[in-house]
Amino acid sequence: MLAKSGAIVSSAGVTLLVAFVVVLLAFPVDKECEDGERCTYTSTAPEQLAAIVQPAYLAVSLLIIAAGVFMVRFGRWKSDKKTESGS
């Protein structure tokens, strides 16, 4: 059961990652530099989608994927351990 839940969680994370990539490709990021000083990067995405093009959004989606993979691996390890001790 834990492995199935992990697969669902991981799939949700992949969906978030795909949304990030689609928005990033559809609305490119502008780079503005002033006389060799520090550059600023701004997204051309509309306000509703601007929250998706943030480093925190990418980090959260990757953490969700990692949590799902962990759940799958732990669930399989746990079920294999039960099978070994039951035999």
PDB file of N, CA and C in Angstrom:
ATOM      1  N   MET A   1       0.817  -1.193   0.000  1.00  0.00           N
ATOM      2  CA  MET A   1       0.000   0.000   0.000  1.00  0.00           C
ATOM      3  C   MET A   1       0.861   1.257   0.000  1.00  0.00           C
ATOM      4  N   LEU A   2       1.959   1.230   0.756  1.00  0.00           N
ATOM      5  CA  LEU A   2       2.857   2.381   0.829  1.00  0.00           C
ATOM      6  C   LEU A   2       3.512   2.648  -0.525  1.00  0.00           C
ATOM      7  N   ALA A   3       3.825   1.589  -1.257  1.00  0.00           N
ATOM      8  CA  ALA A   3       4.446   1.754  -2.572  1.00  0.00           C
ATOM      9  C   ALA A   3       3.482   2.429  -3.546  1.00  0.00           C
ATOM     10  N   LYS A   4       2.214   2.059  -3.481  1.00  0.00           N
ATOM     11  CA  LYS A   4       1.223   2.690  -4.363  1.00  0.00           C
ATOM     12  C   LYS A   4       1.045   4.159  -4.021  1.00  0.00           C
ATOM     13  N   SER A   5       1.013   4.468  -2.736  1.00  0.00           N
ATOM     14  CA  SER A   5       0.895   5.866  -2.312  1.00  0.00           C
ATOM     15  C   SER A   5       2.123   6.661  -2.746  1.00  0.00           C
ATOM     16  N   GLY A   6       3.289   6.057  -2.645  1.00  0.00           N
ATOM     17  CA  GLY A   6       4.517   6.718  -3.078  1.00  0.00           C
ATOM     18  C   GLY A   6       4.511   7.010  -4.564  1.00  0.00           C
ATOM     19  N   ALA A   7       3.972   6.086  -5.340  1.00  0.00           N
ATOM     20  CA  ALA A   7       3.883   6.302  -6.782  1.00  0.00           C
ATOM     21  C   ALA A   7       2.965   7.471  -7.098  1.00  0.00           C
ATOM     22  N   ILE A   8       1.876   7.593  -6.361  1.00  0.00           N
ATOM     23  CA  ILE A   8       0.942   8.701  -6.569  1.00  0.00           C
ATOM     24  C   ILE A   8       1.605  10.022  -6.181  1.00  0.00           C
ATOM     25  N   VAL A   9       2.296  10.043  -5.049  1.00  0.00           N
ATOM     26  CA  VAL A   9       2.981  11.260  -4.597  1.00  0.00           C
ATOM     27  C   VAL A   9       4.052  11.662  -5.606  1.00  0.00           C
ATOM     28  N   SER A  10       4.822  10.705  -6.057  1.00  0.00           N
ATOM     29  CA  SER A  10       5.864  10.988  -7.038  1.00  0.00           C
ATOM     30  C   SER A  10       5.276  11.510  -8.346  1.00  0.00           C
ATOM     31  N   SER A  11       4.166  10.950  -8.762  1.00  0.00           N
ATOM     32  CA  SER A  11       3.503  11.416  -9.983  1.00  0.00           C
ATOM     33  C   SER A  11       3.017  12.856  -9.835  1.00  0.00           C
ATOM     34  N   ALA A  12       2.544  13.200  -8.649  1.00  0.00           N
ATOM     35  CA  ALA A  12       2.122  14.585  -8.401  1.00  0.00           C
ATOM     36  C   ALA A  12       3.319  15.523  -8.497  1.00  0.00           C
ATOM     37  N   GLY A  13       4.464  15.110  -7.971  1.00  0.00           N
ATOM     38  CA  GLY A  13       5.670  15.922  -8.076  1.00  0.00           C
ATOM     39  C   GLY A  13       6.129  16.098  -9.512  1.00  0.00           C
ATOM     40  N   VAL A  14       6.034  15.039 -10.297  1.00  0.00           N
ATOM     41  CA  VAL A  14       6.403  15.122 -11.712  1.00  0.00           C
ATOM     42  C   VAL A  14       5.460  16.068 -12.443  1.00  0.00           C
ATOM     43  N   THR A  15       4.186  16.038 -12.096  1.00  0.00           N
ATOM     44  CA  THR A  15       3.222  16.955 -12.705  1.00  0.00           C
ATOM     45  C   THR A  15       3.586  18.405 -12.400  1.00  0.00           C
ATOM     46  N   LEU A  16       3.980  18.685 -11.161  1.00  0.00           N
ATOM     47  CA  LEU A  16       4.405  20.036 -10.800  1.00  0.00           C
ATOM     48  C   LEU A  16       5.660  20.445 -11.570  1.00  0.00           C
ATOM     49  N   LEU A  17       6.592  19.514 -11.725  1.00  0.00           N
ATOM     50  CA  LEU A  17       7.818  19.795 -12.462  1.00  0.00           C
ATOM     51  C   LEU A  17       7.520  20.078 -13.936  1.00  0.00           C
ATOM     52  N   VAL A  18       6.618  19.314 -14.522  1.00  0.00           N
ATOM     53  CA  VAL A  18       6.237  19.535 -15.919  1.00  0.00           C
ATOM     54  C   VAL A  18       5.577  20.906 -16.063  1.00  0.00           C
ATOM     55  N   ALA A  19       4.728  21.290 -15.114  1.00  0.00           N
ATOM     56  CA  ALA A  19       4.103  22.616 -15.161  1.00  0.00           C
ATOM     57  C   ALA A  19       5.166  23.707 -15.112  1.00  0.00           C
ATOM     58  N   PHE A  20       6.178  23.523 -14.270  1.00  0.00           N
ATOM     59  CA  PHE A  20       7.283  24.483 -14.170  1.00  0.00           C
ATOM     60  C   PHE A  20       7.983  24.643 -15.516  1.00  0.00           C
ATOM     61  N   VAL A  21       8.309  23.517 -16.150  1.00  0.00           N
ATOM     62  CA  VAL A  21       9.030  23.555 -17.429  1.00  0.00           C
ATOM     63  C   VAL A  21       8.170  24.176 -18.521  1.00  0.00           C
ATOM     64  N   VAL A  22       6.890  23.841 -18.560  1.00  0.00           N
ATOM     65  CA  VAL A  22       5.999  24.393 -19.591  1.00  0.00           C
ATOM     66  C   VAL A  22       5.889  25.910 -19.455  1.00  0.00           C
ATOM     67  N   VAL A  23       5.707  26.392 -18.239  1.00  0.00           N
ATOM     68  CA  VAL A  23       5.606  27.841 -18.030  1.00  0.00           C
ATOM     69  C   VAL A  23       6.928  28.512 -18.364  1.00  0.00           C
ATOM     70  N   LEU A  24       8.035  27.889 -18.005  1.00  0.00           N
ATOM     71  CA  LEU A  24       9.346  28.462 -18.298  1.00  0.00           C
ATOM     72  C   LEU A  24       9.604  28.531 -19.801  1.00  0.00           C
ATOM     73  N   LEU A  25       9.170  27.524 -20.536  1.00  0.00           N
ATOM     74  CA  LEU A  25       9.354  27.535 -21.994  1.00  0.00           C
ATOM     75  C   LEU A  25       8.379  28.490 -22.685  1.00  0.00           C
ATOM     76  N   ALA A  26       7.168  28.577 -22.173  1.00  0.00           N
ATOM     77  CA  ALA A  26       6.163  29.435 -22.798  1.00  0.00           C
ATOM     78  C   ALA A  26       6.431  30.920 -22.546  1.00  0.00           C
ATOM     79  N   PHE A  27       6.948  31.231 -21.376  1.00  0.00           N
ATOM     80  CA  PHE A  27       7.210  32.617 -21.003  1.00  0.00           C
ATOM     81  C   PHE A  27       8.673  32.752 -20.593  1.00  0.00           C
ATOM     82  N   PRO A  28       9.525  33.164 -21.524  1.00  0.00           N
ATOM     83  CA  PRO A  28      10.959  33.230 -21.214  1.00  0.00           C
ATOM     84  C   PRO A  28      11.278  34.263 -20.127  1.00  0.00           C
ATOM     85  N   VAL A  29      12.473  34.138 -19.592  1.00  0.00           N
ATOM     86  CA  VAL A  29      12.946  35.029 -18.538  1.00  0.00           C
ATOM     87  C   VAL A  29      13.835  36.097 -19.173  1.00  0.00           C
ATOM     88  N   ASP A  30      13.600  37.368 -18.807  1.00  0.00           N
ATOM     89  CA  ASP A  30      14.405  38.483 -19.310  1.00  0.00           C
ATOM     90  C   ASP A  30      15.571  38.751 -18.372  1.00  0.00           C
ATOM     91  N   LYS A  31      16.728  39.001 -18.964  1.00  0.00           N
ATOM     92  CA  LYS A  31      17.928  39.328 -18.184  1.00  0.00           C
ATOM     93  C   LYS A  31      18.230  40.810 -18.401  1.00  0.00           C
ATOM     94  N   GLU A  32      18.324  41.558 -17.308  1.00  0.00           N
ATOM     95  CA  GLU A  32      18.606  42.984 -17.385  1.00  0.00           C
ATOM     96  C   GLU A  32      19.862  43.285 -16.574  1.00  0.00           C
ATOM     97  N   CYS A  33      20.904  43.782 -17.264  1.00  0.00           N
ATOM     98  CA  CYS A  33      22.157  44.130 -16.595  1.00  0.00           C
ATOM     99  C   CYS A  33      22.414  45.617 -16.772  1.00  0.00           C
ATOM    100  N   GLU A  34      22.968  46.236 -15.750  1.00  0.00           N
ATOM    101  CA  GLU A  34      23.295  47.658 -15.806  1.00  0.00           C
ATOM    102  C   GLU A  34      24.801  47.851 -15.684  1.00  0.00           C
ATOM    103  N   ASP A  35      25.456  48.226 -16.755  1.00  0.00           N
ATOM    104  CA  ASP A  35      26.876  48.571 -16.790  1.00  0.00           C
ATOM    105  C   ASP A  35      27.766  47.599 -16.027  1.00  0.00           C
ATOM    106  N   GLY A  36      27.681  46.342 -16.323  1.00  0.00           N
ATOM    107  CA  GLY A  36      28.541  45.345 -15.702  1.00  0.00           C
ATOM    108  C   GLY A  36      28.237  45.067 -14.245  1.00  0.00           C
ATOM    109  N   GLU A  37      27.177  45.635 -13.738  1.00  0.00           N
ATOM    110  CA  GLU A  37      26.809  45.386 -12.344  1.00  0.00           C
ATOM    111  C   GLU A  37      25.970  44.114 -12.265  1.00  0.00           C
ATOM    112  N   ARG A  38      25.391  43.928 -11.142  1.00  0.00           N
ATOM    113  CA  ARG A  38      24.573  42.738 -10.915  1.00  0.00           C
ATOM    114  C   ARG A  38      23.370  42.715 -11.866  1.00  0.00           C
ATOM    115  N   CYS A  39      23.074  41.550 -12.391  1.00  0.00           N
ATOM    116  CA  CYS A  39      21.956  41.393 -13.319  1.00  0.00           C
ATOM    117  C   CYS A  39      20.701  40.957 -12.566  1.00  0.00           C
ATOM    118  N   THR A  40      19.556  41.332 -13.109  1.00  0.00           N
ATOM    119  CA  THR A  40      18.281  40.886 -12.553  1.00  0.00           C
ATOM    120  C   THR A  40      17.549  40.083 -13.611  1.00  0.00           C
ATOM    121  N   TYR A  41      16.836  39.092 -13.152  1.00  0.00           N
ATOM    122  CA  TYR A  41      16.091  38.205 -14.042  1.00  0.00           C
ATOM    123  C   TYR A  41      14.611  38.331 -13.701  1.00  0.00           C
ATOM    124  N   THR A  42      13.804  38.619 -14.706  1.00  0.00           N
ATOM    125  CA  THR A  42      12.362  38.733 -14.485  1.00  0.00           C
ATOM    126  C   THR A  42      11.628  37.858 -15.495  1.00  0.00           C
ATOM    127  N   SER A  43      10.583  37.234 -15.021  1.00  0.00           N
ATOM    128  CA  SER A  43       9.785  36.358 -15.879  1.00  0.00           C
ATOM    129  C   SER A  43       8.772  37.182 -16.654  1.00  0.00           C
ATOM    130  N   THR A  44       8.494  36.755 -17.879  1.00  0.00           N
ATOM    131  CA  THR A  44       7.470  37.420 -18.683  1.00  0.00           C
ATOM    132  C   THR A  44       6.102  36.767 -18.498  1.00  0.00           C
ATOM    133  N   ALA A  45       6.018  35.828 -17.567  1.00  0.00           N
ATOM    134  CA  ALA A  45       4.747  35.125 -17.310  1.00  0.00           C
ATOM    135  C   ALA A  45       3.739  36.078 -16.676  1.00  0.00           C
ATOM    136  N   PRO A  46       2.448  35.861 -16.961  1.00  0.00           N
ATOM    137  CA  PRO A  46       1.426  36.678 -16.308  1.00  0.00           C
ATOM    138  C   PRO A  46       1.446  36.481 -14.790  1.00  0.00           C
ATOM    139  N   GLU A  47       0.815  37.396 -14.096  1.00  0.00           N
ATOM    140  CA  GLU A  47       0.833  37.369 -12.625  1.00  0.00           C
ATOM    141  C   GLU A  47       0.383  36.041 -12.037  1.00  0.00           C
ATOM    142  N   GLN A  48      -0.638  35.419 -12.624  1.00  0.00           N
ATOM    143  CA  GLN A  48      -1.167  34.166 -12.095  1.00  0.00           C
ATOM    144  C   GLN A  48      -0.141  33.033 -12.181  1.00  0.00           C
ATOM    145  N   LEU A  49       0.714  33.077 -13.190  1.00  0.00           N
ATOM    146  CA  LEU A  49       1.696  32.008 -13.395  1.00  0.00           C
ATOM    147  C   LEU A  49       3.088  32.375 -12.886  1.00  0.00           C
ATOM    148  N   ALA A  50       3.267  33.608 -12.455  1.00  0.00           N
ATOM    149  CA  ALA A  50       4.591  34.050 -12.008  1.00  0.00           C
ATOM    150  C   ALA A  50       5.060  33.279 -10.779  1.00  0.00           C
ATOM    151  N   ALA A  51       4.144  32.812  -9.964  1.00  0.00           N
ATOM    152  CA  ALA A  51       4.527  32.055  -8.767  1.00  0.00           C
ATOM    153  C   ALA A  51       5.159  30.713  -9.121  1.00  0.00           C
ATOM    154  N   ILE A  52       4.842  30.188 -10.288  1.00  0.00           N
ATOM    155  CA  ILE A  52       5.398  28.897 -10.701  1.00  0.00           C
ATOM    156  C   ILE A  52       6.878  29.040 -11.070  1.00  0.00           C
ATOM    157  N   VAL A  53       7.270  30.192 -11.603  1.00  0.00           N
ATOM    158  CA  VAL A  53       8.649  30.387 -12.052  1.00  0.00           C
ATOM    159  C   VAL A  53       9.477  30.947 -10.891  1.00  0.00           C
ATOM    160  N   GLN A  54       9.548  30.202  -9.827  1.00  0.00           N
ATOM    161  CA  GLN A  54      10.314  30.570  -8.636  1.00  0.00           C
ATOM    162  C   GLN A  54      11.187  29.386  -8.240  1.00  0.00           C
ATOM    163  N   PRO A  55      12.364  29.640  -7.707  1.00  0.00           N
ATOM    164  CA  PRO A  55      13.223  28.538  -7.272  1.00  0.00           C
ATOM    165  C   PRO A  55      12.571  27.670  -6.190  1.00  0.00           C
ATOM    166  N   ALA A  56      11.773  28.274  -5.324  1.00  0.00           N
ATOM    167  CA  ALA A  56      11.117  27.500  -4.258  1.00  0.00           C
ATOM    168  C   ALA A  56      10.132  26.493  -4.846  1.00  0.00           C
ATOM    169  N   TYR A  57       9.439  26.872  -5.900  1.00  0.00           N
ATOM    170  CA  TYR A  57       8.482  25.967  -6.549  1.00  0.00           C
ATOM    171  C   TYR A  57       9.215  24.746  -7.107  1.00  0.00           C
ATOM    172  N   LEU A  58      10.362  24.991  -7.725  1.00  0.00           N
ATOM    173  CA  LEU A  58      11.168  23.889  -8.261  1.00  0.00           C
ATOM    174  C   LEU A  58      11.656  22.987  -7.126  1.00  0.00           C
ATOM    175  N   ALA A  59      12.120  23.587  -6.054  1.00  0.00           N
ATOM    176  CA  ALA A  59      12.616  22.806  -4.913  1.00  0.00           C
ATOM    177  C   ALA A  59      11.506  21.956  -4.309  1.00  0.00           C
ATOM    178  N   VAL A  60      10.313  22.518  -4.171  1.00  0.00           N
ATOM    179  CA  VAL A  60       9.188  21.767  -3.598  1.00  0.00           C
ATOM    180  C   VAL A  60       8.811  20.596  -4.503  1.00  0.00           C
ATOM    181  N   SER A  61       8.773  20.829  -5.801  1.00  0.00           N
ATOM    182  CA  SER A  61       8.406  19.736  -6.711  1.00  0.00           C
ATOM    183  C   SER A  61       9.447  18.620  -6.655  1.00  0.00           C
ATOM    184  N   LEU A  62      10.730  18.963  -6.568  1.00  0.00           N
ATOM    185  CA  LEU A  62      11.768  17.935  -6.467  1.00  0.00           C
ATOM    186  C   LEU A  62      11.699  17.198  -5.133  1.00  0.00           C
ATOM    187  N   LEU A  63      11.377  17.910  -4.062  1.00  0.00           N
ATOM    188  CA  LEU A  63      11.215  17.251  -2.763  1.00  0.00           C
ATOM    189  C   LEU A  63      10.023  16.292  -2.762  1.00  0.00           C
ATOM    190  N   ILE A  64       8.949  16.665  -3.424  1.00  0.00           N
ATOM    191  CA  ILE A  64       7.780  15.790  -3.507  1.00  0.00           C
ATOM    192  C   ILE A  64       8.130  14.520  -4.286  1.00  0.00           C
ATOM    193  N   ILE A  65       8.868  14.675  -5.376  1.00  0.00           N
ATOM    194  CA  ILE A  65       9.298  13.503  -6.152  1.00  0.00           C
ATOM    195  C   ILE A  65      10.178  12.598  -5.288  1.00  0.00           C
ATOM    196  N   ALA A  66      11.127  13.196  -4.575  1.00  0.00           N
ATOM    197  CA  ALA A  66      12.024  12.417  -3.721  1.00  0.00           C
ATOM    198  C   ALA A  66      11.249  11.699  -2.617  1.00  0.00           C
ATOM    199  N   ALA A  67      10.265  12.367  -2.030  1.00  0.00           N
ATOM    200  CA  ALA A  67       9.453  11.733  -0.985  1.00  0.00           C
ATOM    201  C   ALA A  67       8.685  10.544  -1.546  1.00  0.00           C
ATOM    202  N   GLY A  68       8.143  10.689  -2.745  1.00  0.00           N
ATOM    203  CA  GLY A  68       7.423   9.586  -3.376  1.00  0.00           C
ATOM    204  C   GLY A  68       8.323   8.404  -3.663  1.00  0.00           C
ATOM    205  N   VAL A  69       9.521   8.672  -4.166  1.00  0.00           N
ATOM    206  CA  VAL A  69      10.477   7.591  -4.436  1.00  0.00           C
ATOM    207  C   VAL A  69      10.873   6.903  -3.132  1.00  0.00           C
ATOM    208  N   PHE A  70      11.091   7.693  -2.066  1.00  0.00           N
ATOM    209  CA  PHE A  70      11.422   7.115  -0.771  1.00  0.00           C
ATOM    210  C   PHE A  70      10.300   6.210  -0.278  1.00  0.00           C
ATOM    211  N   MET A  71       9.058   6.658  -0.440  1.00  0.00           N
ATOM    212  CA  MET A  71       7.921   5.849   0.006  1.00  0.00           C
ATOM    213  C   MET A  71       7.854   4.531  -0.758  1.00  0.00           C
ATOM    214  N   VAL A  72       8.098   4.576  -2.056  1.00  0.00           N
ATOM    215  CA  VAL A  72       8.077   3.351  -2.867  1.00  0.00           C
ATOM    216  C   VAL A  72       9.175   2.393  -2.410  1.00  0.00           C
ATOM    217  N   ARG A  73      10.388   2.908  -2.266  1.00  0.00           N
ATOM    218  CA  ARG A  73      11.511   2.042  -1.880  1.00  0.00           C
ATOM    219  C   ARG A  73      11.324   1.487  -0.472  1.00  0.00           C
ATOM    220  N   PHE A  74      10.865   2.321   0.462  1.00  0.00           N
ATOM    221  CA  PHE A  74      10.654   1.861   1.827  1.00  0.00           C
ATOM    222  C   PHE A  74       9.537   0.825   1.885  1.00  0.00           C
ATOM    223  N   GLY A  75       8.465   1.061   1.139  1.00  0.00           N
ATOM    224  CA  GLY A  75       7.354   0.107   1.111  1.00  0.00           C
ATOM    225  C   GLY A  75       7.773  -1.239   0.562  1.00  0.00           C
ATOM    226  N   ARG A  76       8.572  -1.221  -0.495  1.00  0.00           N
ATOM    227  CA  ARG A  76       9.054  -2.487  -1.068  1.00  0.00           C
ATOM    228  C   ARG A  76      10.031  -3.182  -0.134  1.00  0.00           C
ATOM    229  N   TRP A  77      10.891  -2.411   0.519  1.00  0.00           N
ATOM    230  CA  TRP A  77      11.829  -3.004   1.473  1.00  0.00           C
ATOM    231  C   TRP A  77      11.072  -3.650   2.628  1.00  0.00           C
ATOM    232  N   LYS A  78      10.049  -2.950   3.097  1.00  0.00           N
ATOM    233  CA  LYS A  78       9.257  -3.465   4.214  1.00  0.00           C
ATOM    234  C   LYS A  78       8.514  -4.742   3.817  1.00  0.00           C
ATOM    235  N   SER A  79       7.952  -4.778   2.614  1.00  0.00           N
ATOM    236  CA  SER A  79       7.223  -5.980   2.187  1.00  0.00           C
ATOM    237  C   SER A  79       8.189  -7.129   1.922  1.00  0.00           C
ATOM    238  N   ASP A  80       9.385  -6.846   1.403  1.00  0.00           N
ATOM    239  CA  ASP A  80      10.384  -7.907   1.220  1.00  0.00           C
ATOM    240  C   ASP A  80      10.853  -8.457   2.557  1.00  0.00           C
ATOM    241  N   LYS A  81      10.982  -7.602   3.544  1.00  0.00           N
ATOM    242  CA  LYS A  81      11.416  -8.031   4.874  1.00  0.00           C
ATOM    243  C   LYS A  81      10.359  -8.926   5.496  1.00  0.00           C
ATOM    244  N   LYS A  82       9.071  -8.596   5.296  1.00  0.00           N
ATOM    245  CA  LYS A  82       7.985  -9.439   5.826  1.00  0.00           C
ATOM    246  C   LYS A  82       8.006 -10.806   5.165  1.00  0.00           C
ATOM    247  N   THR A  83       8.260 -10.824   3.858  1.00  0.00           N
ATOM    248  CA  THR A  83       8.285 -12.087   3.107  1.00  0.00           C
ATOM    249  C   THR A  83       9.424 -12.983   3.577  1.00  0.00           C
ATOM    250  N   GLU A  84      10.595 -12.369   3.827  1.00  0.00           N
ATOM    251  CA  GLU A  84      11.743 -13.157   4.286  1.00  0.00           C
ATOM    252  C   GLU A  84      11.512 -13.739   5.672  1.00  0.00           C
ATOM    253  N   SER A  85      10.952 -12.958   6.567  1.00  0.00           N
ATOM    254  CA  SER A  85      10.752 -13.463   7.941  1.00  0.00           C
ATOM    255  C   SER A  85       9.576 -14.441   8.015  1.00  0.00           C
ATOM    256  N   GLY A  86       8.653 -14.347   7.075  1.00  0.00           N
ATOM    257  CA  GLY A  86       7.508 -15.250   7.064  1.00  0.00           C
ATOM    258  C   GLY A  86       7.823 -16.602   6.484  1.00  0.00           C
ATOM    259  N   SER A  87       8.876 -16.704   5.678  1.00  0.00           N
ATOM    260  CA  SER A  87       9.218 -17.976   5.023  1.00  0.00           C
ATOM    261  C   SER A  87      10.014 -18.872   5.910  1.00  0.00           C
TER     262      SER A  87
END
